[in-house]
PDB file of N, CA and C in Angstrom:
ATOM      1  N   UNK A   1     -45.913 -43.463 196.291  1.00  0.00           N
ATOM      2  CA  UNK A   1     -45.484 -42.286 197.040  1.00  0.00           C
ATOM      3  C   UNK A   1     -45.209 -42.696 198.486  1.00  0.00           C
ATOM      4  N   UNK A   2     -44.134 -42.208 199.016  1.00  0.00           N
ATOM      5  CA  UNK A   2     -43.737 -42.548 200.382  1.00  0.00           C
ATOM      6  C   UNK A   2     -44.693 -41.915 201.390  1.00  0.00           C
ATOM      7  N   UNK A   3     -44.756 -42.549 202.569  1.00  0.00           N
ATOM      8  CA  UNK A   3     -45.624 -42.037 203.628  1.00  0.00           C
ATOM      9  C   UNK A   3     -45.308 -40.581 203.961  1.00  0.00           C
ATOM     10  N   UNK A   4     -44.029 -40.268 204.050  1.00  0.00           N
ATOM     11  CA  UNK A   4     -43.612 -38.914 204.399  1.00  0.00           C
ATOM     12  C   UNK A   4     -44.153 -37.910 203.383  1.00  0.00           C
ATOM     13  N   UNK A   5     -44.053 -38.233 202.101  1.00  0.00           N
ATOM     14  CA  UNK A   5     -44.536 -37.325 201.056  1.00  0.00           C
ATOM     15  C   UNK A   5     -46.049 -37.149 201.136  1.00  0.00           C
ATOM     16  N   UNK A   6     -46.752 -38.230 201.361  1.00  0.00           N
ATOM     17  CA  UNK A   6     -48.208 -38.170 201.474  1.00  0.00           C
ATOM     18  C   UNK A   6     -48.619 -37.332 202.675  1.00  0.00           C
ATOM     19  N   UNK A   7     -47.972 -37.573 203.800  1.00  0.00           N
ATOM     20  CA  UNK A   7     -48.282 -36.813 205.009  1.00  0.00           C
ATOM     21  C   UNK A   7     -47.942 -35.331 204.844  1.00  0.00           C
ATOM     22  N   UNK A   8     -46.849 -35.057 204.168  1.00  0.00           N
ATOM     23  CA  UNK A   8     -46.453 -33.660 203.939  1.00  0.00           C
ATOM     24  C   UNK A   8     -47.482 -32.952 203.065  1.00  0.00           C
ATOM     25  N   UNK A   9     -47.946 -33.629 202.022  1.00  0.00           N
ATOM     26  CA  UNK A   9     -48.987 -33.043 201.167  1.00  0.00           C
ATOM     27  C   UNK A   9     -50.262 -32.788 201.966  1.00  0.00           C
ATOM     28  N   UNK A  10     -50.631 -33.743 202.806  1.00  0.00           N
ATOM     29  CA  UNK A  10     -51.836 -33.582 203.624  1.00  0.00           C
ATOM     30  C   UNK A  10     -51.672 -32.427 204.611  1.00  0.00           C
ATOM     31  N   UNK A  11     -50.505 -32.329 205.241  1.00  0.00           N
ATOM     32  CA  UNK A  11     -50.254 -31.227 206.176  1.00  0.00           C
ATOM     33  C   UNK A  11     -50.306 -29.885 205.454  1.00  0.00           C
ATOM     34  N   UNK A  12     -49.707 -29.808 204.273  1.00  0.00           N
ATOM     35  CA  UNK A  12     -49.762 -28.569 203.492  1.00  0.00           C
ATOM     36  C   UNK A  12     -51.206 -28.181 203.185  1.00  0.00           C
ATOM     37  N   UNK A  13     -52.022 -29.171 202.828  1.00  0.00           N
ATOM     38  CA  UNK A  13     -53.434 -28.915 202.544  1.00  0.00           C
ATOM     39  C   UNK A  13     -54.159 -28.417 203.795  1.00  0.00           C
ATOM     40  N   UNK A  14     -53.941 -29.096 204.925  1.00  0.00           N
ATOM     41  CA  UNK A  14     -54.584 -28.705 206.177  1.00  0.00           C
ATOM     42  C   UNK A  14     -54.154 -27.300 206.578  1.00  0.00           C
ATOM     43  N   UNK A  15     -52.854 -27.012 206.471  1.00  0.00           N
ATOM     44  CA  UNK A  15     -52.354 -25.684 206.823  1.00  0.00           C
ATOM     45  C   UNK A  15     -52.973 -24.604 205.940  1.00  0.00           C
ATOM     46  N   UNK A  16     -53.077 -24.883 204.648  1.00  0.00           N
ATOM     47  CA  UNK A  16     -53.678 -23.907 203.732  1.00  0.00           C
ATOM     48  C   UNK A  16     -55.145 -23.662 204.078  1.00  0.00           C
ATOM     49  N   UNK A  17     -55.868 -24.728 204.373  1.00  0.00           N
ATOM     50  CA  UNK A  17     -57.289 -24.577 204.723  1.00  0.00           C
ATOM     51  C   UNK A  17     -57.442 -23.816 206.040  1.00  0.00           C
ATOM     52  N   UNK A  18     -56.568 -24.092 207.002  1.00  0.00           N
ATOM     53  CA  UNK A  18     -56.603 -23.357 208.271  1.00  0.00           C
ATOM     54  C   UNK A  18     -56.326 -21.877 208.042  1.00  0.00           C
ATOM     55  N   UNK A  19     -55.344 -21.582 207.172  1.00  0.00           N
ATOM     56  CA  UNK A  19     -55.043 -20.176 206.869  1.00  0.00           C
ATOM     57  C   UNK A  19     -56.208 -19.509 206.148  1.00  0.00           C
ATOM     58  N   UNK A  20     -56.769 -20.191 205.161  1.00  0.00           N
ATOM     59  CA  UNK A  20     -57.858 -19.579 204.382  1.00  0.00           C
ATOM     60  C   UNK A  20     -59.116 -19.364 205.230  1.00  0.00           C
ATOM     61  N   UNK A  21     -59.287 -20.197 206.252  1.00  0.00           N
ATOM     62  CA  UNK A  21     -60.421 -20.020 207.168  1.00  0.00           C
ATOM     63  C   UNK A  21     -60.116 -19.009 208.268  1.00  0.00           C
ATOM     64  N   UNK A  22     -58.867 -18.560 208.326  1.00  0.00           N
ATOM     65  CA  UNK A  22     -58.480 -17.583 209.331  1.00  0.00           C
ATOM     66  C   UNK A  22     -58.213 -18.177 210.696  1.00  0.00           C
ATOM     67  N   UNK A  23     -57.986 -19.468 210.759  1.00  0.00           N
ATOM     68  CA  UNK A  23     -57.815 -20.125 212.051  1.00  0.00           C
ATOM     69  C   UNK A  23     -56.403 -20.011 212.607  1.00  0.00           C
ATOM     70  N   UNK A  24     -55.431 -19.718 211.773  1.00  0.00           N
ATOM     71  CA  UNK A  24     -54.063 -19.583 212.254  1.00  0.00           C
ATOM     72  C   UNK A  24     -53.531 -18.173 212.024  1.00  0.00           C
ATOM     73  N   UNK A  25     -54.437 -17.282 211.716  1.00  0.00           N
ATOM     74  CA  UNK A  25     -54.105 -15.885 211.499  1.00  0.00           C
ATOM     75  C   UNK A  25     -53.875 -15.203 212.842  1.00  0.00           C
ATOM     76  N   UNK A  26     -52.833 -14.359 212.962  1.00  0.00           N
ATOM     77  CA  UNK A  26     -52.640 -13.679 214.250  1.00  0.00           C
ATOM     78  C   UNK A  26     -53.815 -12.785 214.631  1.00  0.00           C
ATOM     79  N   UNK A  27     -54.639 -12.439 213.664  1.00  0.00           N
ATOM     80  CA  UNK A  27     -55.814 -11.620 213.943  1.00  0.00           C
ATOM     81  C   UNK A  27     -57.072 -12.471 214.028  1.00  0.00           C
ATOM     82  N   UNK A  28     -56.910 -13.781 214.226  1.00  0.00           N
ATOM     83  CA  UNK A  28     -58.049 -14.700 214.257  1.00  0.00           C
ATOM     84  C   UNK A  28     -59.035 -14.366 215.359  1.00  0.00           C
ATOM     85  N   UNK A  29     -58.573 -13.673 216.405  1.00  0.00           N
ATOM     86  CA  UNK A  29     -59.497 -13.308 217.483  1.00  0.00           C
ATOM     87  C   UNK A  29     -60.646 -12.488 216.919  1.00  0.00           C
ATOM     88  N   UNK A  30     -60.381 -11.648 215.931  1.00  0.00           N
ATOM     89  CA  UNK A  30     -61.435 -10.854 215.305  1.00  0.00           C
ATOM     90  C   UNK A  30     -62.417 -11.768 214.589  1.00  0.00           C
ATOM     91  N   UNK A  31     -61.890 -12.770 213.896  1.00  0.00           N
ATOM     92  CA  UNK A  31     -62.745 -13.717 213.189  1.00  0.00           C
ATOM     93  C   UNK A  31     -63.578 -14.501 214.192  1.00  0.00           C
ATOM     94  N   UNK A  32     -62.947 -14.972 215.245  1.00  0.00           N
ATOM     95  CA  UNK A  32     -63.661 -15.738 216.268  1.00  0.00           C
ATOM     96  C   UNK A  32     -64.741 -14.893 216.909  1.00  0.00           C
ATOM     97  N   UNK A  33     -64.433 -13.652 217.236  1.00  0.00           N
ATOM     98  CA  UNK A  33     -65.440 -12.771 217.829  1.00  0.00           C
ATOM     99  C   UNK A  33     -66.625 -12.620 216.899  1.00  0.00           C
ATOM    100  N   UNK A  34     -66.373 -12.560 215.602  1.00  0.00           N
ATOM    101  CA  UNK A  34     -67.464 -12.447 214.643  1.00  0.00           C
ATOM    102  C   UNK A  34     -68.354 -13.674 214.631  1.00  0.00           C
ATOM    103  N   UNK A  35     -67.790 -14.823 214.967  1.00  0.00           N
ATOM    104  CA  UNK A  35     -68.566 -16.060 214.954  1.00  0.00           C
ATOM    105  C   UNK A  35     -69.504 -16.186 216.149  1.00  0.00           C
ATOM    106  N   UNK A  36     -69.155 -15.577 217.274  1.00  0.00           N
ATOM    107  CA  UNK A  36     -70.021 -15.728 218.444  1.00  0.00           C
ATOM    108  C   UNK A  36     -70.663 -14.416 218.894  1.00  0.00           C
ATOM    109  N   UNK A  37     -70.243 -13.300 218.336  1.00  0.00           N
ATOM    110  CA  UNK A  37     -70.757 -11.997 218.779  1.00  0.00           C
ATOM    111  C   UNK A  37     -72.253 -11.831 218.496  1.00  0.00           C
ATOM    112  N   UNK A  38     -72.763 -12.494 217.500  1.00  0.00           N
ATOM    113  CA  UNK A  38     -74.174 -12.346 217.154  1.00  0.00           C
ATOM    114  C   UNK A  38     -75.090 -12.915 218.232  1.00  0.00           C
ATOM    115  N   UNK A  39     -74.547 -13.769 219.099  1.00  0.00           N
ATOM    116  CA  UNK A  39     -75.393 -14.428 220.106  1.00  0.00           C
ATOM    117  C   UNK A  39     -76.028 -13.408 221.033  1.00  0.00           C
ATOM    118  N   UNK A  40     -75.301 -12.355 221.389  1.00  0.00           N
ATOM    119  CA  UNK A  40     -75.908 -11.331 222.235  1.00  0.00           C
ATOM    120  C   UNK A  40     -75.779  -9.949 221.606  1.00  0.00           C
ATOM    121  N   UNK A  41     -76.014  -9.891 220.307  1.00  0.00           N
ATOM    122  CA  UNK A  41     -75.991  -8.617 219.587  1.00  0.00           C
ATOM    123  C   UNK A  41     -77.162  -7.754 220.051  1.00  0.00           C
ATOM    124  N   UNK A  42     -76.930  -6.455 220.120  1.00  0.00           N
ATOM    125  CA  UNK A  42     -77.943  -5.537 220.655  1.00  0.00           C
ATOM    126  C   UNK A  42     -79.235  -5.542 219.858  1.00  0.00           C
ATOM    127  N   UNK A  43     -79.193  -5.920 218.598  1.00  0.00           N
ATOM    128  CA  UNK A  43     -80.416  -5.927 217.791  1.00  0.00           C
ATOM    129  C   UNK A  43     -81.133  -7.277 217.800  1.00  0.00           C
ATOM    130  N   UNK A  44     -80.621  -8.239 218.569  1.00  0.00           N
ATOM    131  CA  UNK A  44     -81.286  -9.544 218.617  1.00  0.00           C
ATOM    132  C   UNK A  44     -81.636  -9.972 220.032  1.00  0.00           C
ATOM    133  N   UNK A  45     -80.626 -10.139 220.879  1.00  0.00           N
ATOM    134  CA  UNK A  45     -80.879 -10.737 222.185  1.00  0.00           C
ATOM    135  C   UNK A  45     -79.785 -10.261 223.124  1.00  0.00           C
ATOM    136  N   UNK A  46     -80.155  -9.623 224.207  1.00  0.00           N
ATOM    137  CA  UNK A  46     -79.180  -9.133 225.172  1.00  0.00           C
ATOM    138  C   UNK A  46     -79.591  -9.536 226.579  1.00  0.00           C
ATOM    139  N   UNK A  47     -78.648  -9.489 227.481  1.00  0.00           N
ATOM    140  CA  UNK A  47     -78.932  -9.812 228.871  1.00  0.00           C
ATOM    141  C   UNK A  47     -77.968 -10.858 229.383  1.00  0.00           C
ATOM    142  N   UNK A  48     -78.085 -11.171 230.666  1.00  0.00           N
ATOM    143  CA  UNK A  48     -77.164 -12.127 231.281  1.00  0.00           C
ATOM    144  C   UNK A  48     -77.179 -13.504 230.609  1.00  0.00           C
ATOM    145  N   UNK A  49     -78.339 -13.998 230.248  1.00  0.00           N
ATOM    146  CA  UNK A  49     -78.404 -15.302 229.588  1.00  0.00           C
ATOM    147  C   UNK A  49     -77.733 -15.244 228.215  1.00  0.00           C
ATOM    148  N   UNK A  50     -77.932 -14.136 227.506  1.00  0.00           N
ATOM    149  CA  UNK A  50     -77.279 -13.970 226.209  1.00  0.00           C
ATOM    150  C   UNK A  50     -75.761 -13.925 226.385  1.00  0.00           C
ATOM    151  N   UNK A  51     -75.293 -13.249 227.435  1.00  0.00           N
ATOM    152  CA  UNK A  51     -73.857 -13.205 227.712  1.00  0.00           C
ATOM    153  C   UNK A  51     -73.315 -14.606 227.986  1.00  0.00           C
ATOM    154  N   UNK A  52     -74.058 -15.389 228.762  1.00  0.00           N
ATOM    155  CA  UNK A  52     -73.644 -16.763 229.063  1.00  0.00           C
ATOM    156  C   UNK A  52     -73.580 -17.609 227.792  1.00  0.00           C
ATOM    157  N   UNK A  53     -74.593 -17.480 226.959  1.00  0.00           N
ATOM    158  CA  UNK A  53     -74.623 -18.255 225.720  1.00  0.00           C
ATOM    159  C   UNK A  53     -73.506 -17.828 224.779  1.00  0.00           C
ATOM    160  N   UNK A  54     -73.205 -16.550 224.755  1.00  0.00           N
ATOM    161  CA  UNK A  54     -72.098 -16.064 223.939  1.00  0.00           C
ATOM    162  C   UNK A  54     -70.783 -16.669 224.422  1.00  0.00           C
ATOM    163  N   UNK A  55     -70.582 -16.700 225.738  1.00  0.00           N
ATOM    164  CA  UNK A  55     -69.369 -17.290 226.305  1.00  0.00           C
ATOM    165  C   UNK A  55     -69.285 -18.783 225.986  1.00  0.00           C
ATOM    166  N   UNK A  56     -70.421 -19.481 226.084  1.00  0.00           N
ATOM    167  CA  UNK A  56     -70.451 -20.910 225.755  1.00  0.00           C
ATOM    168  C   UNK A  56     -70.129 -21.140 224.283  1.00  0.00           C
ATOM    169  N   UNK A  57     -70.674 -20.299 223.434  1.00  0.00           N
ATOM    170  CA  UNK A  57     -70.418 -20.420 222.001  1.00  0.00           C
ATOM    171  C   UNK A  57     -68.947 -20.179 221.710  1.00  0.00           C
ATOM    172  N   UNK A  58     -68.356 -19.176 222.341  1.00  0.00           N
ATOM    173  CA  UNK A  58     -66.930 -18.895 222.153  1.00  0.00           C
ATOM    174  C   UNK A  58     -66.090 -20.097 222.587  1.00  0.00           C
ATOM    175  N   UNK A  59     -66.438 -20.703 223.705  1.00  0.00           N
ATOM    176  CA  UNK A  59     -65.705 -21.875 224.194  1.00  0.00           C
ATOM    177  C   UNK A  59     -65.746 -23.000 223.167  1.00  0.00           C
ATOM    178  N   UNK A  60     -66.914 -23.238 222.599  1.00  0.00           N
ATOM    179  CA  UNK A  60     -67.069 -24.304 221.605  1.00  0.00           C
ATOM    180  C   UNK A  60     -66.287 -23.982 220.330  1.00  0.00           C
ATOM    181  N   UNK A  61     -66.324 -22.735 219.902  1.00  0.00           N
ATOM    182  CA  UNK A  61     -65.588 -22.336 218.700  1.00  0.00           C
ATOM    183  C   UNK A  61     -64.090 -22.474 218.938  1.00  0.00           C
ATOM    184  N   UNK A  62     -63.623 -22.029 220.097  1.00  0.00           N
ATOM    185  CA  UNK A  62     -62.200 -22.162 220.432  1.00  0.00           C
ATOM    186  C   UNK A  62     -61.770 -23.627 220.444  1.00  0.00           C
ATOM    187  N   UNK A  63     -62.634 -24.498 220.947  1.00  0.00           N
ATOM    188  CA  UNK A  63     -62.321 -25.931 220.974  1.00  0.00           C
ATOM    189  C   UNK A  63     -62.227 -26.486 219.552  1.00  0.00           C
ATOM    190  N   UNK A  64     -63.107 -26.048 218.686  1.00  0.00           N
ATOM    191  CA  UNK A  64     -63.079 -26.497 217.299  1.00  0.00           C
ATOM    192  C   UNK A  64     -61.806 -26.010 216.602  1.00  0.00           C
ATOM    193  N   UNK A  65     -61.436 -24.764 216.830  1.00  0.00           N
ATOM    194  CA  UNK A  65     -60.202 -24.233 216.257  1.00  0.00           C
ATOM    195  C   UNK A  65     -59.005 -25.040 216.754  1.00  0.00           C
ATOM    196  N   UNK A  66     -59.010 -25.406 218.022  1.00  0.00           N
ATOM    197  CA  UNK A  66     -57.917 -26.202 218.586  1.00  0.00           C
ATOM    198  C   UNK A  66     -57.812 -27.563 217.894  1.00  0.00           C
ATOM    199  N   UNK A  67     -58.943 -28.137 217.523  1.00  0.00           N
ATOM    200  CA  UNK A  67     -58.925 -29.423 216.817  1.00  0.00           C
ATOM    201  C   UNK A  67     -58.235 -29.274 215.467  1.00  0.00           C
ATOM    202  N   UNK A  68     -58.594 -28.220 214.721  1.00  0.00           N
ATOM    203  CA  UNK A  68     -57.983 -28.025 213.407  1.00  0.00           C
ATOM    204  C   UNK A  68     -56.496 -27.701 213.520  1.00  0.00           C
ATOM    205  N   UNK A  69     -56.124 -26.890 214.487  1.00  0.00           N
ATOM    206  CA  UNK A  69     -54.709 -26.584 214.709  1.00  0.00           C
ATOM    207  C   UNK A  69     -53.974 -27.840 215.171  1.00  0.00           C
ATOM    208  N   UNK A  70     -54.614 -28.626 216.022  1.00  0.00           N
ATOM    209  CA  UNK A  70     -54.025 -29.869 216.511  1.00  0.00           C
ATOM    210  C   UNK A  70     -53.801 -30.878 215.401  1.00  0.00           C
ATOM    211  N   UNK A  71     -54.679 -30.879 214.405  1.00  0.00           N
ATOM    212  CA  UNK A  71     -54.515 -31.791 213.275  1.00  0.00           C
ATOM    213  C   UNK A  71     -53.189 -31.513 212.566  1.00  0.00           C
ATOM    214  N   UNK A  72     -52.889 -30.245 212.377  1.00  0.00           N
ATOM    215  CA  UNK A  72     -51.619 -29.884 211.748  1.00  0.00           C
ATOM    216  C   UNK A  72     -50.443 -30.357 212.598  1.00  0.00           C
ATOM    217  N   UNK A  73     -50.540 -30.179 213.902  1.00  0.00           N
ATOM    218  CA  UNK A  73     -49.465 -30.624 214.796  1.00  0.00           C
ATOM    219  C   UNK A  73     -49.326 -32.145 214.776  1.00  0.00           C
ATOM    220  N   UNK A  74     -50.442 -32.861 214.749  1.00  0.00           N
ATOM    221  CA  UNK A  74     -50.406 -34.320 214.689  1.00  0.00           C
ATOM    222  C   UNK A  74     -49.750 -34.794 213.387  1.00  0.00           C
ATOM    223  N   UNK A  75     -50.060 -34.109 212.299  1.00  0.00           N
ATOM    224  CA  UNK A  75     -49.446 -34.468 211.021  1.00  0.00           C
ATOM    225  C   UNK A  75     -47.940 -34.208 211.049  1.00  0.00           C
ATOM    226  N   UNK A  76     -47.537 -33.125 211.705  1.00  0.00           N
ATOM    227  CA  UNK A  76     -46.108 -32.828 211.844  1.00  0.00           C
ATOM    228  C   UNK A  76     -45.397 -33.959 212.590  1.00  0.00           C
ATOM    229  N   UNK A  77     -46.013 -34.456 213.644  1.00  0.00           N
ATOM    230  CA  UNK A  77     -45.444 -35.581 214.396  1.00  0.00           C
ATOM    231  C   UNK A  77     -45.376 -36.842 213.544  1.00  0.00           C
ATOM    232  N   UNK A  78     -46.430 -37.082 212.774  1.00  0.00           N
ATOM    233  CA  UNK A  78     -46.452 -38.263 211.911  1.00  0.00           C
ATOM    234  C   UNK A  78     -45.373 -38.169 210.836  1.00  0.00           C
ATOM    235  N   UNK A  79     -45.124 -36.964 210.330  1.00  0.00           N
ATOM    236  CA  UNK A  79     -44.065 -36.773 209.328  1.00  0.00           C
ATOM    237  C   UNK A  79     -42.708 -37.081 209.952  1.00  0.00           C
ATOM    238  N   UNK A  80     -42.493 -36.595 211.162  1.00  0.00           N
ATOM    239  CA  UNK A  80     -41.227 -36.861 211.856  1.00  0.00           C
ATOM    240  C   UNK A  80     -41.039 -38.363 212.087  1.00  0.00           C
ATOM    241  N   UNK A  81     -42.111 -39.051 212.450  1.00  0.00           N
ATOM    242  CA  UNK A  81     -42.045 -40.498 212.656  1.00  0.00           C
ATOM    243  C   UNK A  81     -41.746 -41.213 211.340  1.00  0.00           C
ATOM    244  N   UNK A  82     -42.385 -40.772 210.271  1.00  0.00           N
ATOM    245  CA  UNK A  82     -42.144 -41.383 208.954  1.00  0.00           C
ATOM    246  C   UNK A  82     -40.708 -41.149 208.524  1.00  0.00           C
ATOM    247  N   UNK A  83     -40.167 -39.958 208.820  1.00  0.00           N
ATOM    248  CA  UNK A  83     -38.772 -39.674 208.462  1.00  0.00           C
ATOM    249  C   UNK A  83     -37.821 -40.599 209.208  1.00  0.00           C
ATOM    250  N   UNK A  84     -38.071 -40.786 210.514  1.00  0.00           N
ATOM    251  CA  UNK A  84     -37.179 -41.643 211.299  1.00  0.00           C
ATOM    252  C   UNK A  84     -37.304 -43.093 210.849  1.00  0.00           C
ATOM    253  N   UNK A  85     -38.509 -43.505 210.436  1.00  0.00           N
ATOM    254  CA  UNK A  85     -38.689 -44.871 209.925  1.00  0.00           C
ATOM    255  C   UNK A  85     -37.938 -45.065 208.614  1.00  0.00           C
ATOM    256  N   UNK A  86     -37.974 -44.056 207.751  1.00  0.00           N
ATOM    257  CA  UNK A  86     -37.267 -44.149 206.482  1.00  0.00           C
ATOM    258  C   UNK A  86     -35.761 -44.157 206.706  1.00  0.00           C
ATOM    259  N   UNK A  87     -35.304 -43.362 207.681  1.00  0.00           N
ATOM    260  CA  UNK A  87     -33.868 -43.329 207.999  1.00  0.00           C
ATOM    261  C   UNK A  87     -33.391 -44.665 208.554  1.00  0.00           C
ATOM    262  N   UNK A  88     -34.258 -45.384 209.266  1.00  0.00           N
ATOM    263  CA  UNK A  88     -33.889 -46.658 209.871  1.00  0.00           C
ATOM    264  C   UNK A  88     -33.758 -47.763 208.809  1.00  0.00           C
ATOM    265  N   UNK A  89     -34.467 -47.566 207.691  1.00  0.00           N
ATOM    266  CA  UNK A  89     -34.425 -48.592 206.622  1.00  0.00           C
ATOM    267  C   UNK A  89     -33.162 -48.513 205.873  1.00  0.00           C
TER     268      UNK A  89
END
């Protein structure tokens, strides 16, 4: 199997997993809020420190989402490079 085909299959898999996890959904903000909102939920822990920890948790979650989204973009670049390499042959 050619590099381009392998990379395309991998990108399709990554994109599907990102979609199924809700990471590329236009409503992903709701999903993200659900992941960090418990940090300062009224029935567990509230106050300025809880607000700070919630903000820190959101930052970390956003960074993780960026990694998964970036993986798809990196694969897209690799596919383009593989295409140009195949065209040169």
